[in-house]
Amino acid sequence: MNQPMQNPSPPDPQPELARQRNRISADRSLLSFIRSSVSLIGIGVGISQISSTYLPLVSYLGYWTYLLSVLMVGLGMISLVFATLDYQGEMKRLQQPEYYFTPRWSLGGVTGWIIVIAGLLTLIQLGFTPVYR
């Protein structure tokens, strides 16, 4: 009579393992966005430094290089903020008893398209700017 009652069906470990995999995946995603954001910020600072060093030689690029460097630094900061907010939201969803996948925009895809558009605008500007004045 002092023996504990046996549970007829043991708890299913699969949902908990899935949550752990999703948590690790969210951690990896956040770390990759931190790496990418630091790279974007570094590229923006590098463009600014290079343009300030060589700007007297090519004066017509001053405004565009400044704009491109500000865009890269700003994109890195915005990407980092959105990645952190997305991570916090994912952690809150993982704590819910019923965890469901919710489709949403890919942060990497949006960041990539913004970089492509900035690169195309810069290329167009360089194409229409005379080399010699």
C-alpha atoms as a PDB file:
ATOM      1  CA  MET A   1       0.000   0.000   0.000  1.00  0.00           C
ATOM      2  CA  ASN A   2       2.928   2.362   0.532  1.00  0.00           C
ATOM      3  CA  GLN A   3       4.127   2.032  -3.037  1.00  0.00           C
ATOM      4  CA  PRO A   4       3.512   5.079  -5.274  1.00  0.00           C
ATOM      5  CA  MET A   5       0.983   4.677  -8.047  1.00  0.00           C
ATOM      6  CA  GLN A   6       2.507   4.023 -11.425  1.00  0.00           C
ATOM      7  CA  ASN A   7       1.670   6.508 -14.139  1.00  0.00           C
ATOM      8  CA  PRO A   8       0.054   4.535 -16.971  1.00  0.00           C
ATOM      9  CA  SER A   9       1.608   6.768 -19.646  1.00  0.00           C
ATOM     10  CA  PRO A  10       4.970   8.481 -19.106  1.00  0.00           C
ATOM     11  CA  PRO A  11       5.234  12.130 -20.165  1.00  0.00           C
ATOM     12  CA  ASP A  12       6.240  12.703 -23.782  1.00  0.00           C
ATOM     13  CA  PRO A  13       9.756  14.221 -23.930  1.00  0.00           C
ATOM     14  CA  GLN A  14       9.386  15.329 -27.587  1.00  0.00           C
ATOM     15  CA  PRO A  15       7.706  18.715 -26.946  1.00  0.00           C
ATOM     16  CA  GLU A  16      10.334  19.658 -24.382  1.00  0.00           C
ATOM     17  CA  LEU A  17      13.157  18.632 -26.722  1.00  0.00           C
ATOM     18  CA  ALA A  18      11.555  20.673 -29.503  1.00  0.00           C
ATOM     19  CA  ARG A  19      11.458  23.707 -27.223  1.00  0.00           C
ATOM     20  CA  GLN A  20      15.142  23.249 -26.400  1.00  0.00           C
ATOM     21  CA  ARG A  21      15.997  23.028 -30.111  1.00  0.00           C
ATOM     22  CA  ASN A  22      14.011  26.172 -30.812  1.00  0.00           C
ATOM     23  CA  ARG A  23      15.713  27.976 -27.931  1.00  0.00           C
ATOM     24  CA  ILE A  24      19.160  27.019 -29.210  1.00  0.00           C
ATOM     25  CA  SER A  25      18.140  28.044 -32.724  1.00  0.00           C
ATOM     26  CA  ALA A  26      16.954  31.442 -31.452  1.00  0.00           C
ATOM     27  CA  ASP A  27      20.271  31.889 -29.619  1.00  0.00           C
ATOM     28  CA  ARG A  28      22.222  31.099 -32.784  1.00  0.00           C
ATOM     29  CA  SER A  29      20.080  33.487 -34.817  1.00  0.00           C
ATOM     30  CA  LEU A  30      20.619  36.309 -32.339  1.00  0.00           C
ATOM     31  CA  LEU A  31      24.374  35.724 -32.301  1.00  0.00           C
ATOM     32  CA  SER A  32      24.530  35.720 -36.106  1.00  0.00           C
ATOM     33  CA  PHE A  33      22.606  38.996 -36.240  1.00  0.00           C
ATOM     34  CA  ILE A  34      24.960  40.494 -33.674  1.00  0.00           C
ATOM     35  CA  ARG A  35      27.883  39.455 -35.875  1.00  0.00           C
ATOM     36  CA  SER A  36      26.227  40.859 -38.999  1.00  0.00           C
ATOM     37  CA  SER A  37      25.279  44.105 -37.253  1.00  0.00           C
ATOM     38  CA  VAL A  38      28.801  44.649 -35.994  1.00  0.00           C
ATOM     39  CA  SER A  39      30.069  44.009 -39.533  1.00  0.00           C
ATOM     40  CA  LEU A  40      27.637  46.555 -40.991  1.00  0.00           C
ATOM     41  CA  ILE A  41      28.617  49.122 -38.392  1.00  0.00           C
ATOM     42  CA  GLY A  42      32.301  48.430 -39.075  1.00  0.00           C
ATOM     43  CA  ILE A  43      31.782  48.812 -42.829  1.00  0.00           C
ATOM     44  CA  GLY A  44      30.012  52.125 -42.260  1.00  0.00           C
ATOM     45  CA  VAL A  45      32.816  53.426 -40.064  1.00  0.00           C
ATOM     46  CA  GLY A  46      35.391  52.146 -42.568  1.00  0.00           C
ATOM     47  CA  ILE A  47      33.687  53.914 -45.465  1.00  0.00           C
ATOM     48  CA  SER A  48      33.602  57.107 -43.407  1.00  0.00           C
ATOM     49  CA  GLN A  49      37.299  56.841 -42.538  1.00  0.00           C
ATOM     50  CA  ILE A  50      38.350  56.049 -46.101  1.00  0.00           C
ATOM     51  CA  SER A  51      36.252  58.869 -47.526  1.00  0.00           C
ATOM     52  CA  SER A  52      37.649  61.371 -45.024  1.00  0.00           C
ATOM     53  CA  THR A  53      41.194  60.306 -45.932  1.00  0.00           C
ATOM     54  CA  TYR A  54      40.794  60.262 -49.728  1.00  0.00           C
ATOM     55  CA  LEU A  55      37.956  62.761 -50.119  1.00  0.00           C
ATOM     56  CA  PRO A  56      40.194  65.637 -51.239  1.00  0.00           C
ATOM     57  CA  LEU A  57      41.189  63.517 -54.253  1.00  0.00           C
ATOM     58  CA  VAL A  58      37.606  62.708 -55.269  1.00  0.00           C
ATOM     59  CA  SER A  59      35.469  65.549 -53.938  1.00  0.00           C
ATOM     60  CA  TYR A  60      32.252  64.716 -55.827  1.00  0.00           C
ATOM     61  CA  LEU A  61      31.751  61.538 -53.762  1.00  0.00           C
ATOM     62  CA  GLY A  62      31.623  63.321 -50.396  1.00  0.00           C
ATOM     63  CA  TYR A  63      27.861  63.404 -49.944  1.00  0.00           C
ATOM     64  CA  TRP A  64      27.298  59.861 -51.225  1.00  0.00           C
ATOM     65  CA  THR A  65      30.004  58.228 -49.157  1.00  0.00           C
ATOM     66  CA  TYR A  66      28.738  60.022 -46.068  1.00  0.00           C
ATOM     67  CA  LEU A  67      25.180  58.896 -46.826  1.00  0.00           C
ATOM     68  CA  LEU A  68      26.325  55.320 -47.462  1.00  0.00           C
ATOM     69  CA  SER A  69      28.326  55.182 -44.235  1.00  0.00           C
ATOM     70  CA  VAL A  70      25.395  56.561 -42.204  1.00  0.00           C
ATOM     71  CA  LEU A  71      23.087  54.045 -43.914  1.00  0.00           C
ATOM     72  CA  MET A  72      25.357  51.109 -43.037  1.00  0.00           C
ATOM     73  CA  VAL A  73      25.769  52.163 -39.402  1.00  0.00           C
ATOM     74  CA  GLY A  74      22.047  52.841 -39.081  1.00  0.00           C
ATOM     75  CA  LEU A  75      21.122  49.548 -40.729  1.00  0.00           C
ATOM     76  CA  GLY A  76      23.442  47.697 -38.355  1.00  0.00           C
ATOM     77  CA  MET A  77      21.877  49.361 -35.327  1.00  0.00           C
ATOM     78  CA  ILE A  78      18.292  48.828 -36.523  1.00  0.00           C
ATOM     79  CA  SER A  79      19.017  45.204 -37.393  1.00  0.00           C
ATOM     80  CA  LEU A  80      20.483  44.646 -33.944  1.00  0.00           C
ATOM     81  CA  VAL A  81      17.458  46.198 -32.223  1.00  0.00           C
ATOM     82  CA  PHE A  82      14.968  44.170 -34.269  1.00  0.00           C
ATOM     83  CA  ALA A  83      16.937  40.950 -33.744  1.00  0.00           C
ATOM     84  CA  THR A  84      16.962  41.513 -29.981  1.00  0.00           C
ATOM     85  CA  LEU A  85      13.220  42.236 -29.926  1.00  0.00           C
ATOM     86  CA  ASP A  86      12.540  39.153 -32.049  1.00  0.00           C
ATOM     87  CA  TYR A  87      14.630  37.038 -29.690  1.00  0.00           C
ATOM     88  CA  GLN A  88      12.764  38.309 -26.646  1.00  0.00           C
ATOM     89  CA  GLY A  89       9.423  37.600 -28.344  1.00  0.00           C
ATOM     90  CA  GLU A  90      10.533  34.079 -29.225  1.00  0.00           C
ATOM     91  CA  MET A  91      11.558  33.437 -25.617  1.00  0.00           C
ATOM     92  CA  LYS A  92       8.115  34.575 -24.435  1.00  0.00           C
ATOM     93  CA  ARG A  93       6.418  32.306 -26.996  1.00  0.00           C
ATOM     94  CA  LEU A  94       8.525  29.359 -25.865  1.00  0.00           C
ATOM     95  CA  GLN A  95       7.329  29.830 -22.268  1.00  0.00           C
ATOM     96  CA  GLN A  96       3.691  29.463 -23.304  1.00  0.00           C
ATOM     97  CA  PRO A  97       2.136  26.027 -22.714  1.00  0.00           C
ATOM     98  CA  GLU A  98       0.897  25.896 -26.296  1.00  0.00           C
ATOM     99  CA  TYR A  99       3.753  26.814 -28.604  1.00  0.00           C
ATOM    100  CA  TYR A 100       2.869  27.300 -32.253  1.00  0.00           C
ATOM    101  CA  PHE A 101       4.920  28.480 -35.165  1.00  0.00           C
ATOM    102  CA  THR A 102       3.893  31.940 -36.317  1.00  0.00           C
ATOM    103  CA  PRO A 103       5.068  32.967 -39.785  1.00  0.00           C
ATOM    104  CA  ARG A 104       6.680  36.383 -39.984  1.00  0.00           C
ATOM    105  CA  TRP A 105       9.061  38.442 -42.105  1.00  0.00           C
ATOM    106  CA  SER A 106      12.638  37.248 -42.270  1.00  0.00           C
ATOM    107  CA  LEU A 107      14.898  39.828 -40.646  1.00  0.00           C
ATOM    108  CA  GLY A 108      17.849  38.621 -42.702  1.00  0.00           C
ATOM    109  CA  GLY A 109      15.894  38.925 -45.923  1.00  0.00           C
ATOM    110  CA  VAL A 110      14.757  42.469 -45.171  1.00  0.00           C
ATOM    111  CA  THR A 111      18.288  43.517 -44.189  1.00  0.00           C
ATOM    112  CA  GLY A 112      19.669  41.945 -47.362  1.00  0.00           C
ATOM    113  CA  TRP A 113      17.188  43.774 -49.584  1.00  0.00           C
ATOM    114  CA  ILE A 114      17.993  47.104 -47.931  1.00  0.00           C
ATOM    115  CA  ILE A 115      21.701  46.519 -48.597  1.00  0.00           C
ATOM    116  CA  VAL A 116      20.967  45.597 -52.234  1.00  0.00           C
ATOM    117  CA  ILE A 117      18.889  48.753 -52.722  1.00  0.00           C
ATOM    118  CA  ALA A 118      21.586  50.926 -51.099  1.00  0.00           C
ATOM    119  CA  GLY A 119      24.223  49.328 -53.321  1.00  0.00           C
ATOM    120  CA  LEU A 120      22.149  49.859 -56.460  1.00  0.00           C
ATOM    121  CA  LEU A 121      21.488  53.509 -55.604  1.00  0.00           C
ATOM    122  CA  THR A 122      25.190  54.046 -55.000  1.00  0.00           C
ATOM    123  CA  LEU A 123      26.064  52.322 -58.266  1.00  0.00           C
ATOM    124  CA  ILE A 124      23.550  54.434 -60.173  1.00  0.00           C
ATOM    125  CA  GLN A 125      24.914  57.599 -58.578  1.00  0.00           C
ATOM    126  CA  LEU A 126      28.484  56.633 -59.472  1.00  0.00           C
ATOM    127  CA  GLY A 127      27.385  55.859 -63.029  1.00  0.00           C
ATOM    128  CA  PHE A 128      25.877  59.315 -63.532  1.00  0.00           C
ATOM    129  CA  THR A 129      28.683  61.238 -61.834  1.00  0.00           C
ATOM    130  CA  PRO A 130      31.444  62.477 -64.124  1.00  0.00           C
ATOM    131  CA  VAL A 131      34.862  61.178 -63.190  1.00  0.00           C
ATOM    132  CA  TYR A 132      36.772  64.280 -64.203  1.00  0.00           C
ATOM    133  CA  ARG A 133      35.631  67.795 -63.408  1.00  0.00           C
END
